[in-house]
C-alpha atoms as a PDB file:
ATOM      1  CA  UNK A   1     -27.597  10.345 -22.710  1.00  0.00           C
ATOM      2  CA  UNK A   2     -31.070  10.583 -21.260  1.00  0.00           C
ATOM      3  CA  UNK A   3     -30.076   9.756 -17.653  1.00  0.00           C
ATOM      4  CA  UNK A   4     -27.128  10.597 -15.462  1.00  0.00           C
ATOM      5  CA  UNK A   5     -24.314   8.053 -15.244  1.00  0.00           C
ATOM      6  CA  UNK A   6     -23.894   6.312 -11.908  1.00  0.00           C
ATOM      7  CA  UNK A   7     -21.474   7.874  -9.475  1.00  0.00           C
ATOM      8  CA  UNK A   8     -19.530   4.578  -9.778  1.00  0.00           C
ATOM      9  CA  UNK A   9     -19.151   5.329 -13.492  1.00  0.00           C
ATOM     10  CA  UNK A  10     -17.925   8.864 -12.809  1.00  0.00           C
ATOM     11  CA  UNK A  11     -15.422   7.602 -10.325  1.00  0.00           C
ATOM     12  CA  UNK A  12     -14.102   5.144 -12.923  1.00  0.00           C
ATOM     13  CA  UNK A  13     -13.912   7.983 -15.444  1.00  0.00           C
ATOM     14  CA  UNK A  14     -11.897   9.998 -12.883  1.00  0.00           C
ATOM     15  CA  UNK A  15      -9.594   7.060 -12.307  1.00  0.00           C
ATOM     16  CA  UNK A  16      -9.054   6.595 -16.059  1.00  0.00           C
ATOM     17  CA  UNK A  17     -10.595   3.060 -15.983  1.00  0.00           C
ATOM     18  CA  UNK A  18     -13.291   3.323 -18.577  1.00  0.00           C
ATOM     19  CA  UNK A  19     -12.790   1.904 -22.084  1.00  0.00           C
ATOM     20  CA  UNK A  20     -12.185   4.536 -24.789  1.00  0.00           C
ATOM     21  CA  UNK A  21     -15.624   4.705 -26.355  1.00  0.00           C
ATOM     22  CA  UNK A  22     -17.334   4.856 -23.003  1.00  0.00           C
ATOM     23  CA  UNK A  23     -14.890   7.461 -21.809  1.00  0.00           C
ATOM     24  CA  UNK A  24     -15.865   9.708 -24.745  1.00  0.00           C
ATOM     25  CA  UNK A  25     -19.558   9.171 -24.165  1.00  0.00           C
ATOM     26  CA  UNK A  26     -19.385   9.943 -20.398  1.00  0.00           C
ATOM     27  CA  UNK A  27     -17.090  12.956 -20.924  1.00  0.00           C
ATOM     28  CA  UNK A  28     -19.510  14.418 -23.442  1.00  0.00           C
ATOM     29  CA  UNK A  29     -22.372  14.028 -20.976  1.00  0.00           C
ATOM     30  CA  UNK A  30     -20.357  15.592 -18.091  1.00  0.00           C
ATOM     31  CA  UNK A  31     -19.425  18.633 -20.257  1.00  0.00           C
ATOM     32  CA  UNK A  32     -23.100  19.313 -20.894  1.00  0.00           C
ATOM     33  CA  UNK A  33     -24.567  18.368 -17.526  1.00  0.00           C
ATOM     34  CA  UNK A  34     -24.128  20.812 -14.638  1.00  0.00           C
ATOM     35  CA  UNK A  35     -24.972  18.219 -11.981  1.00  0.00           C
ATOM     36  CA  UNK A  36     -22.447  15.605 -13.174  1.00  0.00           C
ATOM     37  CA  UNK A  37     -19.850  18.328 -13.691  1.00  0.00           C
ATOM     38  CA  UNK A  38     -20.209  19.259 -10.010  1.00  0.00           C
ATOM     39  CA  UNK A  39     -19.797  15.571  -9.069  1.00  0.00           C
ATOM     40  CA  UNK A  40     -16.564  15.384 -11.037  1.00  0.00           C
ATOM     41  CA  UNK A  41     -15.307  18.571  -9.468  1.00  0.00           C
ATOM     42  CA  UNK A  42     -16.022  17.100  -6.019  1.00  0.00           C
ATOM     43  CA  UNK A  43     -13.976  13.937  -6.957  1.00  0.00           C
ATOM     44  CA  UNK A  44     -11.072  16.166  -8.070  1.00  0.00           C
ATOM     45  CA  UNK A  45     -11.191  18.188  -4.850  1.00  0.00           C
ATOM     46  CA  UNK A  46     -11.209  14.958  -2.839  1.00  0.00           C
ATOM     47  CA  UNK A  47      -8.159  13.714  -4.644  1.00  0.00           C
ATOM     48  CA  UNK A  48      -6.414  17.035  -4.191  1.00  0.00           C
ATOM     49  CA  UNK A  49      -7.081  17.058  -0.459  1.00  0.00           C
ATOM     50  CA  UNK A  50      -5.842  13.515  -0.179  1.00  0.00           C
ATOM     51  CA  UNK A  51      -2.582  14.145  -1.980  1.00  0.00           C
ATOM     52  CA  UNK A  52      -2.009  17.352  -0.113  1.00  0.00           C
ATOM     53  CA  UNK A  53      -1.892  15.307   3.265  1.00  0.00           C
ATOM     54  CA  UNK A  54       1.825  14.766   2.519  1.00  0.00           C
ATOM     55  CA  UNK A  55       3.343  16.319  -0.618  1.00  0.00           C
ATOM     56  CA  UNK A  56       4.025  13.644  -3.206  1.00  0.00           C
ATOM     57  CA  UNK A  57       7.108  15.575  -4.601  1.00  0.00           C
ATOM     58  CA  UNK A  58       9.044  14.641  -1.458  1.00  0.00           C
ATOM     59  CA  UNK A  59       8.471  10.906  -2.167  1.00  0.00           C
ATOM     60  CA  UNK A  60       9.323  11.317  -5.870  1.00  0.00           C
ATOM     61  CA  UNK A  61      12.526  13.253  -5.221  1.00  0.00           C
ATOM     62  CA  UNK A  62      13.734  10.625  -2.758  1.00  0.00           C
ATOM     63  CA  UNK A  63      12.913   7.884  -5.282  1.00  0.00           C
ATOM     64  CA  UNK A  64      15.084   9.623  -7.828  1.00  0.00           C
ATOM     65  CA  UNK A  65      18.005   9.921  -5.373  1.00  0.00           C
ATOM     66  CA  UNK A  66      17.654   6.212  -4.495  1.00  0.00           C
ATOM     67  CA  UNK A  67      17.798   5.205  -8.155  1.00  0.00           C
ATOM     68  CA  UNK A  68      21.139   7.164  -8.587  1.00  0.00           C
ATOM     69  CA  UNK A  69      22.641   5.326  -5.665  1.00  0.00           C
ATOM     70  CA  UNK A  70      24.635   2.081  -6.109  1.00  0.00           C
ATOM     71  CA  UNK A  71      22.590  -1.014  -5.466  1.00  0.00           C
ATOM     72  CA  UNK A  72      22.639  -2.008  -1.816  1.00  0.00           C
ATOM     73  CA  UNK A  73      23.808  -5.422  -0.641  1.00  0.00           C
ATOM     74  CA  UNK A  74      20.262  -6.627  -0.591  1.00  0.00           C
ATOM     75  CA  UNK A  75      18.948  -5.595  -4.056  1.00  0.00           C
ATOM     76  CA  UNK A  76      15.323  -6.255  -3.009  1.00  0.00           C
ATOM     77  CA  UNK A  77      15.334  -3.218  -0.709  1.00  0.00           C
ATOM     78  CA  UNK A  78      16.305   0.376  -1.316  1.00  0.00           C
ATOM     79  CA  UNK A  79      16.346   2.566   1.800  1.00  0.00           C
ATOM     80  CA  UNK A  80      14.912   6.079   1.198  1.00  0.00           C
ATOM     81  CA  UNK A  81      15.043   7.922   4.505  1.00  0.00           C
ATOM     82  CA  UNK A  82      11.937  10.098   4.702  1.00  0.00           C
ATOM     83  CA  UNK A  83       9.902  10.806   7.742  1.00  0.00           C
ATOM     84  CA  UNK A  84       6.497  10.913   6.111  1.00  0.00           C
ATOM     85  CA  UNK A  85       4.652   8.968   3.574  1.00  0.00           C
ATOM     86  CA  UNK A  86       3.608   9.678   0.022  1.00  0.00           C
ATOM     87  CA  UNK A  87      -0.068  10.151  -0.053  1.00  0.00           C
ATOM     88  CA  UNK A  88      -2.010   8.059  -2.499  1.00  0.00           C
ATOM     89  CA  UNK A  89      -5.358   7.465  -4.136  1.00  0.00           C
ATOM     90  CA  UNK A  90      -7.480   4.983  -2.255  1.00  0.00           C
ATOM     91  CA  UNK A  91      -8.664   1.985  -4.131  1.00  0.00           C
ATOM     92  CA  UNK A  92      -9.609  -1.636  -3.688  1.00  0.00           C
ATOM     93  CA  UNK A  93      -8.064  -4.481  -5.563  1.00  0.00           C
ATOM     94  CA  UNK A  94      -8.635  -3.337  -9.141  1.00  0.00           C
ATOM     95  CA  UNK A  95      -8.856   0.365  -8.248  1.00  0.00           C
ATOM     96  CA  UNK A  96     -12.618   0.725  -8.731  1.00  0.00           C
ATOM     97  CA  UNK A  97     -13.284   3.289  -6.059  1.00  0.00           C
ATOM     98  CA  UNK A  98     -11.812   6.693  -5.038  1.00  0.00           C
ATOM     99  CA  UNK A  99     -12.030   8.156  -1.545  1.00  0.00           C
ATOM    100  CA  UNK A 100     -10.920  11.286   0.234  1.00  0.00           C
ATOM    101  CA  UNK A 101      -9.469   9.330   3.110  1.00  0.00           C
ATOM    102  CA  UNK A 102      -7.749   5.968   3.525  1.00  0.00           C
ATOM    103  CA  UNK A 103      -9.610   2.978   4.916  1.00  0.00           C
ATOM    104  CA  UNK A 104      -7.701   1.167   7.571  1.00  0.00           C
ATOM    105  CA  UNK A 105      -8.203  -2.366   8.934  1.00  0.00           C
ATOM    106  CA  UNK A 106      -9.141  -1.988  12.577  1.00  0.00           C
ATOM    107  CA  UNK A 107      -7.510  -4.328  15.114  1.00  0.00           C
ATOM    108  CA  UNK A 108      -7.528  -4.705  18.877  1.00  0.00           C
ATOM    109  CA  UNK A 109      -7.265  -1.545  20.869  1.00  0.00           C
ATOM    110  CA  UNK A 110      -7.737   0.693  17.942  1.00  0.00           C
ATOM    111  CA  UNK A 111      -4.675  -0.606  16.053  1.00  0.00           C
ATOM    112  CA  UNK A 112      -4.650  -0.397  12.320  1.00  0.00           C
ATOM    113  CA  UNK A 113      -2.289  -0.508   9.309  1.00  0.00           C
ATOM    114  CA  UNK A 114      -2.088   0.804   5.761  1.00  0.00           C
ATOM    115  CA  UNK A 115       0.045   0.150   2.680  1.00  0.00           C
ATOM    116  CA  UNK A 116       0.463   3.002   0.235  1.00  0.00           C
ATOM    117  CA  UNK A 117       2.015   2.881  -3.287  1.00  0.00           C
ATOM    118  CA  UNK A 118       3.748   5.756  -5.090  1.00  0.00           C
ATOM    119  CA  UNK A 119       5.663   6.414  -8.219  1.00  0.00           C
ATOM    120  CA  UNK A 120       5.064   7.555 -11.703  1.00  0.00           C
ATOM    121  CA  UNK A 121       1.617   6.067 -11.918  1.00  0.00           C
ATOM    122  CA  UNK A 122      -1.554   6.867  -9.976  1.00  0.00           C
ATOM    123  CA  UNK A 123      -1.053   7.187  -6.245  1.00  0.00           C
ATOM    124  CA  UNK A 124      -3.083   4.625  -4.318  1.00  0.00           C
ATOM    125  CA  UNK A 125      -3.463   2.626  -1.107  1.00  0.00           C
ATOM    126  CA  UNK A 126      -4.625  -0.858  -0.626  1.00  0.00           C
ATOM    127  CA  UNK A 127      -6.453  -2.313   2.315  1.00  0.00           C
ATOM    128  CA  UNK A 128      -5.159  -5.267   4.293  1.00  0.00           C
ATOM    129  CA  UNK A 129      -6.225  -8.476   2.570  1.00  0.00           C
ATOM    130  CA  UNK A 130      -6.375  -6.920  -0.915  1.00  0.00           C
ATOM    131  CA  UNK A 131      -4.285  -7.593  -3.989  1.00  0.00           C
ATOM    132  CA  UNK A 132      -2.732  -4.874  -6.182  1.00  0.00           C
ATOM    133  CA  UNK A 133      -0.601  -4.797  -9.281  1.00  0.00           C
ATOM    134  CA  UNK A 134       2.556  -2.612  -9.028  1.00  0.00           C
ATOM    135  CA  UNK A 135       3.655  -0.485 -11.996  1.00  0.00           C
ATOM    136  CA  UNK A 136       7.290  -0.315 -12.922  1.00  0.00           C
ATOM    137  CA  UNK A 137       9.538   1.524 -10.385  1.00  0.00           C
ATOM    138  CA  UNK A 138       6.680   1.946  -7.868  1.00  0.00           C
ATOM    139  CA  UNK A 139       7.527   1.923  -4.190  1.00  0.00           C
ATOM    140  CA  UNK A 140       5.692   0.892  -1.075  1.00  0.00           C
ATOM    141  CA  UNK A 141       5.220   2.654   2.307  1.00  0.00           C
ATOM    142  CA  UNK A 142       3.807   1.020   5.492  1.00  0.00           C
ATOM    143  CA  UNK A 143       2.018   2.908   8.197  1.00  0.00           C
ATOM    144  CA  UNK A 144       0.328   1.854  11.412  1.00  0.00           C
ATOM    145  CA  UNK A 145      -1.696   2.949  14.374  1.00  0.00           C
ATOM    146  CA  UNK A 146      -0.180   1.020  17.282  1.00  0.00           C
ATOM    147  CA  UNK A 147      -3.134   1.074  19.680  1.00  0.00           C
ATOM    148  CA  UNK A 148      -2.086  -0.918  22.666  1.00  0.00           C
ATOM    149  CA  UNK A 149       0.730  -2.701  20.888  1.00  0.00           C
ATOM    150  CA  UNK A 150       4.391  -1.804  21.606  1.00  0.00           C
ATOM    151  CA  UNK A 151       6.343  -3.414  18.720  1.00  0.00           C
ATOM    152  CA  UNK A 152       6.100  -3.570  14.952  1.00  0.00           C
ATOM    153  CA  UNK A 153       7.863  -5.607  12.318  1.00  0.00           C
ATOM    154  CA  UNK A 154       7.327  -6.164   8.557  1.00  0.00           C
ATOM    155  CA  UNK A 155       8.518  -9.018   6.254  1.00  0.00           C
ATOM    156  CA  UNK A 156       7.700 -10.038   2.750  1.00  0.00           C
ATOM    157  CA  UNK A 157       7.552 -13.398   0.954  1.00  0.00           C
ATOM    158  CA  UNK A 158       8.017 -13.835  -2.844  1.00  0.00           C
ATOM    159  CA  UNK A 159       7.066 -16.685  -5.239  1.00  0.00           C
ATOM    160  CA  UNK A 160      10.377 -18.479  -4.596  1.00  0.00           C
ATOM    161  CA  UNK A 161       9.770 -18.626  -0.842  1.00  0.00           C
ATOM    162  CA  UNK A 162      12.444 -16.055  -0.030  1.00  0.00           C
ATOM    163  CA  UNK A 163      11.409 -14.124   3.150  1.00  0.00           C
ATOM    164  CA  UNK A 164      12.886 -10.639   3.520  1.00  0.00           C
ATOM    165  CA  UNK A 165      12.886  -8.632   6.763  1.00  0.00           C
ATOM    166  CA  UNK A 166      11.688  -5.218   5.641  1.00  0.00           C
ATOM    167  CA  UNK A 167      11.511  -3.419   8.991  1.00  0.00           C
ATOM    168  CA  UNK A 168      13.384  -4.614  12.096  1.00  0.00           C
ATOM    169  CA  UNK A 169      16.110  -3.546  14.362  1.00  0.00           C
ATOM    170  CA  UNK A 170      19.136  -5.758  15.329  1.00  0.00           C
ATOM    171  CA  UNK A 171      17.197  -8.805  14.535  1.00  0.00           C
ATOM    172  CA  UNK A 172      14.095  -7.888  16.571  1.00  0.00           C
ATOM    173  CA  UNK A 173      10.834  -5.954  16.195  1.00  0.00           C
ATOM    174  CA  UNK A 174      11.000  -2.182  16.135  1.00  0.00           C
ATOM    175  CA  UNK A 175       9.565  -0.246  19.201  1.00  0.00           C
ATOM    176  CA  UNK A 176       6.453   1.658  17.886  1.00  0.00           C
ATOM    177  CA  UNK A 177       6.765   5.371  17.803  1.00  0.00           C
ATOM    178  CA  UNK A 178       5.494   7.334  20.758  1.00  0.00           C
ATOM    179  CA  UNK A 179       2.225   9.169  20.467  1.00  0.00           C
ATOM    180  CA  UNK A 180      -1.219   8.302  19.263  1.00  0.00           C
ATOM    181  CA  UNK A 181      -2.224   8.413  15.653  1.00  0.00           C
ATOM    182  CA  UNK A 182      -0.663   7.026  12.544  1.00  0.00           C
ATOM    183  CA  UNK A 183       3.057   6.561  12.139  1.00  0.00           C
ATOM    184  CA  UNK A 184       4.966   5.620   8.985  1.00  0.00           C
ATOM    185  CA  UNK A 185       7.874   3.254   8.889  1.00  0.00           C
ATOM    186  CA  UNK A 186      10.753   5.398   7.833  1.00  0.00           C
ATOM    187  CA  UNK A 187      11.689   4.034   4.403  1.00  0.00           C
ATOM    188  CA  UNK A 188      10.102   3.210   1.097  1.00  0.00           C
ATOM    189  CA  UNK A 189      10.481  -0.338  -0.336  1.00  0.00           C
ATOM    190  CA  UNK A 190      10.931  -1.198  -4.046  1.00  0.00           C
ATOM    191  CA  UNK A 191      10.542  -4.928  -4.860  1.00  0.00           C
ATOM    192  CA  UNK A 192      12.628  -6.465  -7.695  1.00  0.00           C
ATOM    193  CA  UNK A 193      11.768  -9.366  -9.890  1.00  0.00           C
ATOM    194  CA  UNK A 194       8.361 -10.374 -11.115  1.00  0.00           C
ATOM    195  CA  UNK A 195       5.470 -12.349  -9.665  1.00  0.00           C
ATOM    196  CA  UNK A 196       3.832 -12.096  -6.250  1.00  0.00           C
ATOM    197  CA  UNK A 197       5.156 -10.508  -3.090  1.00  0.00           C
ATOM    198  CA  UNK A 198       3.176 -10.945   0.179  1.00  0.00           C
ATOM    199  CA  UNK A 199       3.830  -8.092   2.688  1.00  0.00           C
ATOM    200  CA  UNK A 200       3.121  -8.844   6.291  1.00  0.00           C
ATOM    201  CA  UNK A 201       3.073  -6.285   9.044  1.00  0.00           C
ATOM    202  CA  UNK A 202       3.038  -7.680  12.646  1.00  0.00           C
ATOM    203  CA  UNK A 203       2.029  -5.674  15.669  1.00  0.00           C
ATOM    204  CA  UNK A 204       2.829  -7.267  19.002  1.00  0.00           C
ATOM    205  CA  UNK A 205       2.973  -6.557  22.737  1.00  0.00           C
ATOM    206  CA  UNK A 206       6.490  -8.187  22.995  1.00  0.00           C
ATOM    207  CA  UNK A 207       9.418  -7.910  20.629  1.00  0.00           C
ATOM    208  CA  UNK A 208       9.683 -10.768  18.087  1.00  0.00           C
ATOM    209  CA  UNK A 209      12.797 -12.227  16.652  1.00  0.00           C
ATOM    210  CA  UNK A 210      13.207 -11.738  12.891  1.00  0.00           C
ATOM    211  CA  UNK A 211      14.289 -15.311  12.419  1.00  0.00           C
ATOM    212  CA  UNK A 212      11.113 -16.543  14.215  1.00  0.00           C
ATOM    213  CA  UNK A 213       8.828 -14.534  11.946  1.00  0.00           C
ATOM    214  CA  UNK A 214      10.880 -15.500   8.832  1.00  0.00           C
ATOM    215  CA  UNK A 215      10.644 -19.170   9.789  1.00  0.00           C
ATOM    216  CA  UNK A 216       6.867 -18.895  10.245  1.00  0.00           C
ATOM    217  CA  UNK A 217       6.558 -17.186   6.897  1.00  0.00           C
ATOM    218  CA  UNK A 218       8.553 -19.893   5.210  1.00  0.00           C
ATOM    219  CA  UNK A 219       6.433 -22.599   6.814  1.00  0.00           C
ATOM    220  CA  UNK A 220       3.299 -20.685   5.669  1.00  0.00           C
ATOM    221  CA  UNK A 221       4.600 -20.622   2.126  1.00  0.00           C
ATOM    222  CA  UNK A 222       5.412 -24.370   2.189  1.00  0.00           C
ATOM    223  CA  UNK A 223       1.969 -25.210   3.705  1.00  0.00           C
ATOM    224  CA  UNK A 224       0.383 -23.246   0.813  1.00  0.00           C
ATOM    225  CA  UNK A 225       2.168 -25.482  -1.716  1.00  0.00           C
ATOM    226  CA  UNK A 226       4.669 -22.660  -2.675  1.00  0.00           C
ATOM    227  CA  UNK A 227       1.879 -20.330  -3.707  1.00  0.00           C
ATOM    228  CA  UNK A 228       2.287 -16.960  -2.116  1.00  0.00           C
ATOM    229  CA  UNK A 229      -1.266 -15.957  -3.064  1.00  0.00           C
ATOM    230  CA  UNK A 230      -2.720 -19.010  -1.106  1.00  0.00           C
ATOM    231  CA  UNK A 231      -0.809 -18.291   2.128  1.00  0.00           C
ATOM    232  CA  UNK A 232      -2.813 -17.600   5.338  1.00  0.00           C
ATOM    233  CA  UNK A 233      -1.698 -16.075   8.626  1.00  0.00           C
ATOM    234  CA  UNK A 234       1.846 -16.854   9.931  1.00  0.00           C
ATOM    235  CA  UNK A 235       0.593 -17.794  13.358  1.00  0.00           C
ATOM    236  CA  UNK A 236       3.100 -15.576  15.237  1.00  0.00           C
ATOM    237  CA  UNK A 237       2.323 -13.612  18.359  1.00  0.00           C
ATOM    238  CA  UNK A 238       0.361 -10.386  17.937  1.00  0.00           C
ATOM    239  CA  UNK A 239      -1.784  -9.160  14.996  1.00  0.00           C
ATOM    240  CA  UNK A 240      -0.934  -9.686  11.399  1.00  0.00           C
ATOM    241  CA  UNK A 241      -1.939  -7.584   8.359  1.00  0.00           C
ATOM    242  CA  UNK A 242      -1.301  -8.953   4.866  1.00  0.00           C
ATOM    243  CA  UNK A 243      -1.149  -7.438   1.386  1.00  0.00           C
ATOM    244  CA  UNK A 244      -0.531  -9.230  -1.904  1.00  0.00           C
ATOM    245  CA  UNK A 245       1.352  -7.295  -4.553  1.00  0.00           C
ATOM    246  CA  UNK A 246       1.905  -8.402  -8.164  1.00  0.00           C
ATOM    247  CA  UNK A 247       5.272  -7.153  -9.433  1.00  0.00           C
ATOM    248  CA  UNK A 248       5.592  -6.147 -13.108  1.00  0.00           C
END
C-alpha cells in the first residue's frame, strides 16, 4: 500500500470487522509499517486498560455459576450477585469505534447511565439510544451516575409487549447508592427468546411504583403499534435512558 490506512480502518481491523481480503491487506501493511504498528499497539493498550478497570474473569465466573443453577421462577432474569461490572469494549451501534473509556449520556445535574455487555464474545458498551445485537449467552449490566437524583429503576419490554421489572425493591424504585461517581446495579441480566428487547433505566427524585412504570411501558408499546424499536419515552417522572437490544 502506498499510503497509510485510516485510523478508522485500523480500529475496524482491531475489532475484527474487516472482510477477509481487506484484513490480510491491512495486516500486511501494519507488519511492515512502523507508524501503523505503533497505532495498533496503542489500540491494544487502550483495550487492555479498559478491560482492567474491573476484571472480566469475575463476570465470566459468575455467569458460569448462574448457568449451573436451576432456572428461576422468572426465566427472563438470572440474578448474578456481583458488586462490580464487567468491563467492555466501547462501540456504537454496529461496533465501528473503539475507545479507552466509556461514553455516557449526560443528564440533569451530572447524571448519566451506561449499559455494558459481556460474555464469550467481544466486550462492549452501548450508549443510550443505540441498538446492539447480543451474542448467545451474553449478559447485560447497568450502571449510573445519580447526580441529583435519589432513586433508580430499570424495566425492559420485548416484542410481545411483556414488561419486566429488572431492578426494583418491594415494588418501588431502588434508592441510589451513596457517594458520587458511577454505581452498578448489583446483578447481570440475561434475556431469553429472540427479537428486540428495549431496556429503560429511570432516574427520579421520588420513588416510582413498578406497576406505574410497567403500565407506561405497555402504553408506549401499544402506541408504537407493537413495535419495540419504534417506542419513544415512557413519560414517567424523572429521566429515562433507553437501549435497544436484538436477541439472537
